[in-house]
């Protein structure tokens, strides 16, 4: 949805990206956290720590993977034509 909204408007892009990101966070974070706390009611802090660590660790690793895929030579972004700074 975000890919198609890029051609339409900036605000539509923000809305579609926000919806997709928000629903992904809801499924990938809240559900496992809730289930793990129900499975280990005496160790809620421990299992929630593992879930949060796994969530952050995945973001750390996939950030490197995405950077290697999108910008393998680590090129700097170019200035816009209208940018005078």
PDB file of N, CA and C in Angstrom:
ATOM      1  N   UNK A   1       0.827  -1.189   0.000  1.00  0.00           N
ATOM      2  CA  UNK A   1       0.000   0.000   0.000  1.00  0.00           C
ATOM      3  C   UNK A   1       0.874   1.256   0.000  1.00  0.00           C
ATOM      4  N   UNK A   2       1.936   1.222   0.789  1.00  0.00           N
ATOM      5  CA  UNK A   2       2.809   2.391   0.854  1.00  0.00           C
ATOM      6  C   UNK A   2       3.494   2.626  -0.479  1.00  0.00           C
ATOM      7  N   UNK A   3       3.874   1.560  -1.154  1.00  0.00           N
ATOM      8  CA  UNK A   3       4.507   1.692  -2.463  1.00  0.00           C
ATOM      9  C   UNK A   3       3.595   2.447  -3.438  1.00  0.00           C
ATOM     10  N   UNK A   4       2.323   2.105  -3.442  1.00  0.00           N
ATOM     11  CA  UNK A   4       1.388   2.750  -4.365  1.00  0.00           C
ATOM     12  C   UNK A   4       1.011   4.159  -3.911  1.00  0.00           C
ATOM     13  N   UNK A   5       1.023   4.406  -2.613  1.00  0.00           N
ATOM     14  CA  UNK A   5       0.650   5.740  -2.134  1.00  0.00           C
ATOM     15  C   UNK A   5       1.770   6.760  -2.306  1.00  0.00           C
ATOM     16  N   UNK A   6       2.997   6.322  -2.562  1.00  0.00           N
ATOM     17  CA  UNK A   6       4.108   7.259  -2.776  1.00  0.00           C
ATOM     18  C   UNK A   6       3.856   8.188  -3.953  1.00  0.00           C
ATOM     19  N   UNK A   7       3.200   7.691  -4.971  1.00  0.00           N
ATOM     20  CA  UNK A   7       2.912   8.508  -6.152  1.00  0.00           C
ATOM     21  C   UNK A   7       1.757   9.469  -5.935  1.00  0.00           C
ATOM     22  N   UNK A   8       0.968   9.225  -4.906  1.00  0.00           N
ATOM     23  CA  UNK A   8      -0.227  10.023  -4.692  1.00  0.00           C
ATOM     24  C   UNK A   8       0.036  11.242  -3.817  1.00  0.00           C
ATOM     25  N   UNK A   9       0.411  11.006  -2.561  1.00  0.00           N
ATOM     26  CA  UNK A   9       0.648  12.133  -1.665  1.00  0.00           C
ATOM     27  C   UNK A   9       1.493  11.696  -0.475  1.00  0.00           C
ATOM     28  N   UNK A  10       2.166  12.659   0.101  1.00  0.00           N
ATOM     29  CA  UNK A  10       3.004  12.397   1.268  1.00  0.00           C
ATOM     30  C   UNK A  10       2.154  11.967   2.456  1.00  0.00           C
ATOM     31  N   UNK A  11       1.037  12.631   2.676  1.00  0.00           N
ATOM     32  CA  UNK A  11       0.188  12.324   3.830  1.00  0.00           C
ATOM     33  C   UNK A  11      -0.440  10.942   3.716  1.00  0.00           C
ATOM     34  N   UNK A  12      -0.810  10.547   2.516  1.00  0.00           N
ATOM     35  CA  UNK A  12      -1.345   9.203   2.309  1.00  0.00           C
ATOM     36  C   UNK A  12      -0.254   8.162   2.560  1.00  0.00           C
ATOM     37  N   UNK A  13       0.967   8.485   2.195  1.00  0.00           N
ATOM     38  CA  UNK A  13       2.087   7.593   2.458  1.00  0.00           C
ATOM     39  C   UNK A  13       2.295   7.426   3.959  1.00  0.00           C
ATOM     40  N   UNK A  14       2.232   8.504   4.698  1.00  0.00           N
ATOM     41  CA  UNK A  14       2.389   8.435   6.154  1.00  0.00           C
ATOM     42  C   UNK A  14       1.276   7.600   6.778  1.00  0.00           C
ATOM     43  N   UNK A  15       0.064   7.771   6.315  1.00  0.00           N
ATOM     44  CA  UNK A  15      -1.070   7.021   6.863  1.00  0.00           C
ATOM     45  C   UNK A  15      -0.926   5.536   6.551  1.00  0.00           C
ATOM     46  N   UNK A  16      -0.632   5.173   5.306  1.00  0.00           N
ATOM     47  CA  UNK A  16      -0.531   3.756   4.961  1.00  0.00           C
ATOM     48  C   UNK A  16       0.653   3.103   5.662  1.00  0.00           C
ATOM     49  N   UNK A  17       1.784   3.788   5.725  1.00  0.00           N
ATOM     50  CA  UNK A  17       2.939   3.229   6.426  1.00  0.00           C
ATOM     51  C   UNK A  17       2.631   3.067   7.911  1.00  0.00           C
ATOM     52  N   UNK A  18       1.976   4.046   8.490  1.00  0.00           N
ATOM     53  CA  UNK A  18       1.609   3.964   9.900  1.00  0.00           C
ATOM     54  C   UNK A  18       0.653   2.821  10.186  1.00  0.00           C
ATOM     55  N   UNK A  19      -0.310   2.606   9.319  1.00  0.00           N
ATOM     56  CA  UNK A  19      -1.255   1.502   9.513  1.00  0.00           C
ATOM     57  C   UNK A  19      -0.569   0.156   9.406  1.00  0.00           C
ATOM     58  N   UNK A  20       0.277   0.005   8.409  1.00  0.00           N
ATOM     59  CA  UNK A  20       0.969  -1.268   8.221  1.00  0.00           C
ATOM     60  C   UNK A  20       1.942  -1.514   9.375  1.00  0.00           C
ATOM     61  N   UNK A  21       2.689  -0.497   9.752  1.00  0.00           N
ATOM     62  CA  UNK A  21       3.648  -0.635  10.847  1.00  0.00           C
ATOM     63  C   UNK A  21       2.928  -0.911  12.165  1.00  0.00           C
ATOM     64  N   UNK A  22       1.863  -0.193  12.427  1.00  0.00           N
ATOM     65  CA  UNK A  22       1.112  -0.380  13.663  1.00  0.00           C
ATOM     66  C   UNK A  22       0.485  -1.755  13.772  1.00  0.00           C
ATOM     67  N   UNK A  23      -0.082  -2.247  12.685  1.00  0.00           N
ATOM     68  CA  UNK A  23      -0.679  -3.588  12.732  1.00  0.00           C
ATOM     69  C   UNK A  23       0.408  -4.652  12.861  1.00  0.00           C
ATOM     70  N   UNK A  24       1.549  -4.442  12.238  1.00  0.00           N
ATOM     71  CA  UNK A  24       2.662  -5.383  12.386  1.00  0.00           C
ATOM     72  C   UNK A  24       3.164  -5.432  13.810  1.00  0.00           C
ATOM     73  N   UNK A  25       3.277  -4.281  14.444  1.00  0.00           N
ATOM     74  CA  UNK A  25       3.702  -4.233  15.846  1.00  0.00           C
ATOM     75  C   UNK A  25       2.667  -4.940  16.731  1.00  0.00           C
ATOM     76  N   UNK A  26       1.400  -4.725  16.433  1.00  0.00           N
ATOM     77  CA  UNK A  26       0.345  -5.363  17.223  1.00  0.00           C
ATOM     78  C   UNK A  26       0.400  -6.872  17.152  1.00  0.00           C
ATOM     79  N   UNK A  27       0.679  -7.408  15.969  1.00  0.00           N
ATOM     80  CA  UNK A  27       0.748  -8.861  15.817  1.00  0.00           C
ATOM     81  C   UNK A  27       2.079  -9.429  16.307  1.00  0.00           C
ATOM     82  N   UNK A  28       3.164  -8.755  16.003  1.00  0.00           N
ATOM     83  CA  UNK A  28       4.489  -9.313  16.268  1.00  0.00           C
ATOM     84  C   UNK A  28       5.001  -9.032  17.670  1.00  0.00           C
ATOM     85  N   UNK A  29       4.362  -8.165  18.408  1.00  0.00           N
ATOM     86  CA  UNK A  29       4.872  -7.803  19.723  1.00  0.00           C
ATOM     87  C   UNK A  29       3.862  -8.099  20.830  1.00  0.00           C
ATOM     88  N   UNK A  30       2.682  -7.596  20.695  1.00  0.00           N
ATOM     89  CA  UNK A  30       1.699  -7.719  21.775  1.00  0.00           C
ATOM     90  C   UNK A  30       1.218  -9.153  21.967  1.00  0.00           C
ATOM     91  N   UNK A  31       0.979  -9.863  20.899  1.00  0.00           N
ATOM     92  CA  UNK A  31       0.460 -11.224  21.010  1.00  0.00           C
ATOM     93  C   UNK A  31       1.454 -12.178  21.668  1.00  0.00           C
ATOM     94  N   UNK A  32       2.707 -12.247  21.206  1.00  0.00           N
ATOM     95  CA  UNK A  32       3.656 -13.140  21.900  1.00  0.00           C
ATOM     96  C   UNK A  32       3.914 -12.729  23.347  1.00  0.00           C
ATOM     97  N   UNK A  33       3.888 -11.438  23.608  1.00  0.00           N
ATOM     98  CA  UNK A  33       4.102 -10.972  24.981  1.00  0.00           C
ATOM     99  C   UNK A  33       2.970 -11.447  25.888  1.00  0.00           C
ATOM    100  N   UNK A  34       1.758 -11.293  25.424  1.00  0.00           N
ATOM    101  CA  UNK A  34       0.594 -11.723  26.202  1.00  0.00           C
ATOM    102  C   UNK A  34       0.591 -13.243  26.401  1.00  0.00           C
ATOM    103  N   UNK A  35       0.855 -13.983  25.350  1.00  0.00           N
ATOM    104  CA  UNK A  35       0.858 -15.450  25.456  1.00  0.00           C
ATOM    105  C   UNK A  35       1.958 -15.948  26.378  1.00  0.00           C
ATOM    106  N   UNK A  36       3.134 -15.347  26.271  1.00  0.00           N
ATOM    107  CA  UNK A  36       4.235 -15.817  27.121  1.00  0.00           C
ATOM    108  C   UNK A  36       3.956 -15.552  28.594  1.00  0.00           C
ATOM    109  N   UNK A  37       3.309 -14.437  28.895  1.00  0.00           N
ATOM    110  CA  UNK A  37       2.976 -14.158  30.298  1.00  0.00           C
ATOM    111  C   UNK A  37       1.899 -15.107  30.826  1.00  0.00           C
ATOM    112  N   UNK A  38       0.999 -15.555  29.942  1.00  0.00           N
ATOM    113  CA  UNK A  38      -0.012 -16.529  30.365  1.00  0.00           C
ATOM    114  C   UNK A  38       0.601 -17.910  30.559  1.00  0.00           C
ATOM    115  N   UNK A  39       1.593 -18.258  29.755  1.00  0.00           N
ATOM    116  CA  UNK A  39       2.231 -19.561  29.868  1.00  0.00           C
ATOM    117  C   UNK A  39       3.110 -19.659  31.116  1.00  0.00           C
ATOM    118  N   UNK A  40       3.724 -18.553  31.505  1.00  0.00           N
ATOM    119  CA  UNK A  40       4.614 -18.544  32.671  1.00  0.00           C
ATOM    120  C   UNK A  40       4.152 -17.474  33.655  1.00  0.00           C
ATOM    121  N   UNK A  41       3.044 -17.709  34.354  1.00  0.00           N
ATOM    122  CA  UNK A  41       2.495 -16.668  35.231  1.00  0.00           C
ATOM    123  C   UNK A  41       3.398 -16.313  36.415  1.00  0.00           C
ATOM    124  N   UNK A  42       4.263 -17.229  36.850  1.00  0.00           N
ATOM    125  CA  UNK A  42       5.150 -16.930  37.969  1.00  0.00           C
ATOM    126  C   UNK A  42       6.431 -16.224  37.520  1.00  0.00           C
ATOM    127  N   UNK A  43       6.685 -16.189  36.236  1.00  0.00           N
ATOM    128  CA  UNK A  43       7.912 -15.590  35.688  1.00  0.00           C
ATOM    129  C   UNK A  43       7.592 -14.558  34.604  1.00  0.00           C
ATOM    130  N   UNK A  44       6.607 -13.729  34.853  1.00  0.00           N
ATOM    131  CA  UNK A  44       6.173 -12.751  33.855  1.00  0.00           C
ATOM    132  C   UNK A  44       7.292 -11.792  33.462  1.00  0.00           C
ATOM    133  N   UNK A  45       8.044 -11.325  34.421  1.00  0.00           N
ATOM    134  CA  UNK A  45       9.126 -10.389  34.133  1.00  0.00           C
ATOM    135  C   UNK A  45      10.213 -11.011  33.273  1.00  0.00           C
ATOM    136  N   UNK A  46      10.560 -12.267  33.571  1.00  0.00           N
ATOM    137  CA  UNK A  46      11.606 -12.953  32.817  1.00  0.00           C
ATOM    138  C   UNK A  46      11.198 -13.184  31.374  1.00  0.00           C
ATOM    139  N   UNK A  47      10.001 -13.735  31.178  1.00  0.00           N
ATOM    140  CA  UNK A  47       9.589 -14.032  29.803  1.00  0.00           C
ATOM    141  C   UNK A  47       9.298 -12.760  29.017  1.00  0.00           C
ATOM    142  N   UNK A  48       8.788 -11.732  29.652  1.00  0.00           N
ATOM    143  CA  UNK A  48       8.581 -10.482  28.917  1.00  0.00           C
ATOM    144  C   UNK A  48       9.928  -9.869  28.539  1.00  0.00           C
ATOM    145  N   UNK A  49      10.937 -10.046  29.383  1.00  0.00           N
ATOM    146  CA  UNK A  49      12.281  -9.584  29.039  1.00  0.00           C
ATOM    147  C   UNK A  49      12.841 -10.319  27.840  1.00  0.00           C
ATOM    148  N   UNK A  50      12.620 -11.617  27.762  1.00  0.00           N
ATOM    149  CA  UNK A  50      13.070 -12.383  26.605  1.00  0.00           C
ATOM    150  C   UNK A  50      12.351 -11.957  25.328  1.00  0.00           C
ATOM    151  N   UNK A  51      11.057 -11.737  25.423  1.00  0.00           N
ATOM    152  CA  UNK A  51      10.296 -11.304  24.245  1.00  0.00           C
ATOM    153  C   UNK A  51      10.780  -9.933  23.771  1.00  0.00           C
ATOM    154  N   UNK A  52      10.965  -9.014  24.690  1.00  0.00           N
ATOM    155  CA  UNK A  52      11.435  -7.670  24.325  1.00  0.00           C
ATOM    156  C   UNK A  52      12.853  -7.736  23.764  1.00  0.00           C
ATOM    157  N   UNK A  53      13.711  -8.561  24.357  1.00  0.00           N
ATOM    158  CA  UNK A  53      15.073  -8.711  23.849  1.00  0.00           C
ATOM    159  C   UNK A  53      15.074  -9.329  22.453  1.00  0.00           C
ATOM    160  N   UNK A  54      14.225 -10.311  22.233  1.00  0.00           N
ATOM    161  CA  UNK A  54      14.126 -10.910  20.899  1.00  0.00           C
ATOM    162  C   UNK A  54      13.597  -9.929  19.871  1.00  0.00           C
ATOM    163  N   UNK A  55      12.650  -9.130  20.274  1.00  0.00           N
ATOM    164  CA  UNK A  55      12.083  -8.126  19.367  1.00  0.00           C
ATOM    165  C   UNK A  55      13.142  -7.091  18.988  1.00  0.00           C
ATOM    166  N   UNK A  56      13.876  -6.606  19.979  1.00  0.00           N
ATOM    167  CA  UNK A  56      14.939  -5.636  19.705  1.00  0.00           C
ATOM    168  C   UNK A  56      16.106  -6.248  18.968  1.00  0.00           C
ATOM    169  N   UNK A  57      16.456  -7.479  19.306  1.00  0.00           N
ATOM    170  CA  UNK A  57      17.551  -8.152  18.610  1.00  0.00           C
ATOM    171  C   UNK A  57      17.239  -8.400  17.152  1.00  0.00           C
ATOM    172  N   UNK A  58      15.991  -8.744  16.866  1.00  0.00           N
ATOM    173  CA  UNK A  58      15.590  -8.918  15.473  1.00  0.00           C
ATOM    174  C   UNK A  58      15.680  -7.626  14.693  1.00  0.00           C
ATOM    175  N   UNK A  59      15.273  -6.528  15.312  1.00  0.00           N
ATOM    176  CA  UNK A  59      15.378  -5.229  14.649  1.00  0.00           C
ATOM    177  C   UNK A  59      16.837  -4.857  14.416  1.00  0.00           C
ATOM    178  N   UNK A  60      17.707  -5.164  15.368  1.00  0.00           N
ATOM    179  CA  UNK A  60      19.135  -4.872  15.226  1.00  0.00           C
ATOM    180  C   UNK A  60      19.744  -5.658  14.066  1.00  0.00           C
ATOM    181  N   UNK A  61      19.427  -6.925  13.984  1.00  0.00           N
ATOM    182  CA  UNK A  61      19.996  -7.774  12.927  1.00  0.00           C
ATOM    183  C   UNK A  61      19.423  -7.413  11.565  1.00  0.00           C
ATOM    184  N   UNK A  62      18.102  -7.260  11.469  1.00  0.00           N
ATOM    185  CA  UNK A  62      17.509  -6.989  10.167  1.00  0.00           C
ATOM    186  C   UNK A  62      17.791  -5.579   9.679  1.00  0.00           C
ATOM    187  N   UNK A  63      18.143  -4.663  10.571  1.00  0.00           N
ATOM    188  CA  UNK A  63      18.592  -3.347  10.136  1.00  0.00           C
ATOM    189  C   UNK A  63      19.871  -3.478   9.319  1.00  0.00           C
ATOM    190  N   UNK A  64      20.781  -4.328   9.773  1.00  0.00           N
ATOM    191  CA  UNK A  64      22.028  -4.554   9.048  1.00  0.00           C
ATOM    192  C   UNK A  64      21.767  -5.263   7.724  1.00  0.00           C
ATOM    193  N   UNK A  65      20.850  -6.211   7.714  1.00  0.00           N
ATOM    194  CA  UNK A  65      20.514  -6.939   6.491  1.00  0.00           C
ATOM    195  C   UNK A  65      19.896  -5.997   5.465  1.00  0.00           C
ATOM    196  N   UNK A  66      18.964  -5.143   5.903  1.00  0.00           N
ATOM    197  CA  UNK A  66      18.330  -4.203   4.985  1.00  0.00           C
ATOM    198  C   UNK A  66      19.332  -3.214   4.429  1.00  0.00           C
ATOM    199  N   UNK A  67      20.235  -2.725   5.258  1.00  0.00           N
ATOM    200  CA  UNK A  67      21.249  -1.783   4.782  1.00  0.00           C
ATOM    201  C   UNK A  67      22.150  -2.449   3.763  1.00  0.00           C
ATOM    202  N   UNK A  68      22.560  -3.677   3.999  1.00  0.00           N
ATOM    203  CA  UNK A  68      23.400  -4.400   3.052  1.00  0.00           C
ATOM    204  C   UNK A  68      22.666  -4.657   1.743  1.00  0.00           C
ATOM    205  N   UNK A  69      21.360  -4.838   1.805  1.00  0.00           N
ATOM    206  CA  UNK A  69      20.579  -5.116   0.597  1.00  0.00           C
ATOM    207  C   UNK A  69      20.288  -3.839  -0.191  1.00  0.00           C
ATOM    208  N   UNK A  70      19.900  -2.774   0.492  1.00  0.00           N
ATOM    209  CA  UNK A  70      19.487  -1.544  -0.176  1.00  0.00           C
ATOM    210  C   UNK A  70      20.677  -0.681  -0.565  1.00  0.00           C
ATOM    211  N   UNK A  71      21.675  -0.576   0.298  1.00  0.00           N
ATOM    212  CA  UNK A  71      22.817   0.298   0.053  1.00  0.00           C
ATOM    213  C   UNK A  71      24.116  -0.467   0.354  1.00  0.00           C
ATOM    214  N   UNK A  72      24.467  -1.453  -0.505  1.00  0.00           N
ATOM    215  CA  UNK A  72      25.608  -2.313  -0.189  1.00  0.00           C
ATOM    216  C   UNK A  72      26.953  -1.578  -0.159  1.00  0.00           C
ATOM    217  N   UNK A  73      27.091  -0.487  -0.909  1.00  0.00           N
ATOM    218  CA  UNK A  73      28.352   0.254  -0.940  1.00  0.00           C
ATOM    219  C   UNK A  73      28.393   1.386   0.073  1.00  0.00           C
ATOM    220  N   UNK A  74      27.339   1.530   0.887  1.00  0.00           N
ATOM    221  CA  UNK A  74      27.235   2.562   1.917  1.00  0.00           C
ATOM    222  C   UNK A  74      27.443   3.964   1.331  1.00  0.00           C
ATOM    223  N   UNK A  75      26.767   4.241   0.229  1.00  0.00           N
ATOM    224  CA  UNK A  75      26.858   5.545  -0.416  1.00  0.00           C
ATOM    225  C   UNK A  75      26.067   6.580   0.356  1.00  0.00           C
ATOM    226  N   UNK A  76      26.579   7.796   0.393  1.00  0.00           N
ATOM    227  CA  UNK A  76      25.877   8.890   1.065  1.00  0.00           C
ATOM    228  C   UNK A  76      24.703   9.345   0.208  1.00  0.00           C
ATOM    229  N   UNK A  77      23.670   9.872   0.859  1.00  0.00           N
ATOM    230  CA  UNK A  77      22.525  10.390   0.137  1.00  0.00           C
ATOM    231  C   UNK A  77      22.907  11.686  -0.568  1.00  0.00           C
ATOM    232  N   UNK A  78      22.361  11.881  -1.758  1.00  0.00           N
ATOM    233  CA  UNK A  78      22.652  13.106  -2.511  1.00  0.00           C
ATOM    234  C   UNK A  78      21.758  14.237  -2.035  1.00  0.00           C
ATOM    235  N   UNK A  79      22.249  15.454  -2.212  1.00  0.00           N
ATOM    236  CA  UNK A  79      21.423  16.616  -1.880  1.00  0.00           C
ATOM    237  C   UNK A  79      20.346  16.799  -2.918  1.00  0.00           C
ATOM    238  N   UNK A  80      19.214  17.334  -2.490  1.00  0.00           N
ATOM    239  CA  UNK A  80      18.157  17.682  -3.434  1.00  0.00           C
ATOM    240  C   UNK A  80      18.614  18.859  -4.274  1.00  0.00           C
ATOM    241  N   UNK A  81      18.034  19.002  -5.458  1.00  0.00           N
ATOM    242  CA  UNK A  81      18.399  20.083  -6.363  1.00  0.00           C
ATOM    243  C   UNK A  81      18.099  21.435  -5.741  1.00  0.00           C
ATOM    244  N   UNK A  82      16.993  21.564  -5.051  1.00  0.00           N
ATOM    245  CA  UNK A  82      16.585  22.843  -4.463  1.00  0.00           C
ATOM    246  C   UNK A  82      17.216  23.134  -3.110  1.00  0.00           C
ATOM    247  N   UNK A  83      18.022  22.228  -2.596  1.00  0.00           N
ATOM    248  CA  UNK A  83      18.619  22.403  -1.281  1.00  0.00           C
ATOM    249  C   UNK A  83      19.860  23.289  -1.380  1.00  0.00           C
ATOM    250  N   UNK A  84      19.840  24.441  -0.748  1.00  0.00           N
ATOM    251  CA  UNK A  84      20.932  25.407  -0.837  1.00  0.00           C
ATOM    252  C   UNK A  84      21.871  25.342   0.357  1.00  0.00           C
ATOM    253  N   UNK A  85      21.615  24.503   1.333  1.00  0.00           N
ATOM    254  CA  UNK A  85      22.457  24.475   2.530  1.00  0.00           C
ATOM    255  C   UNK A  85      23.735  23.709   2.346  1.00  0.00           C
TER     256      UNK A  85
END
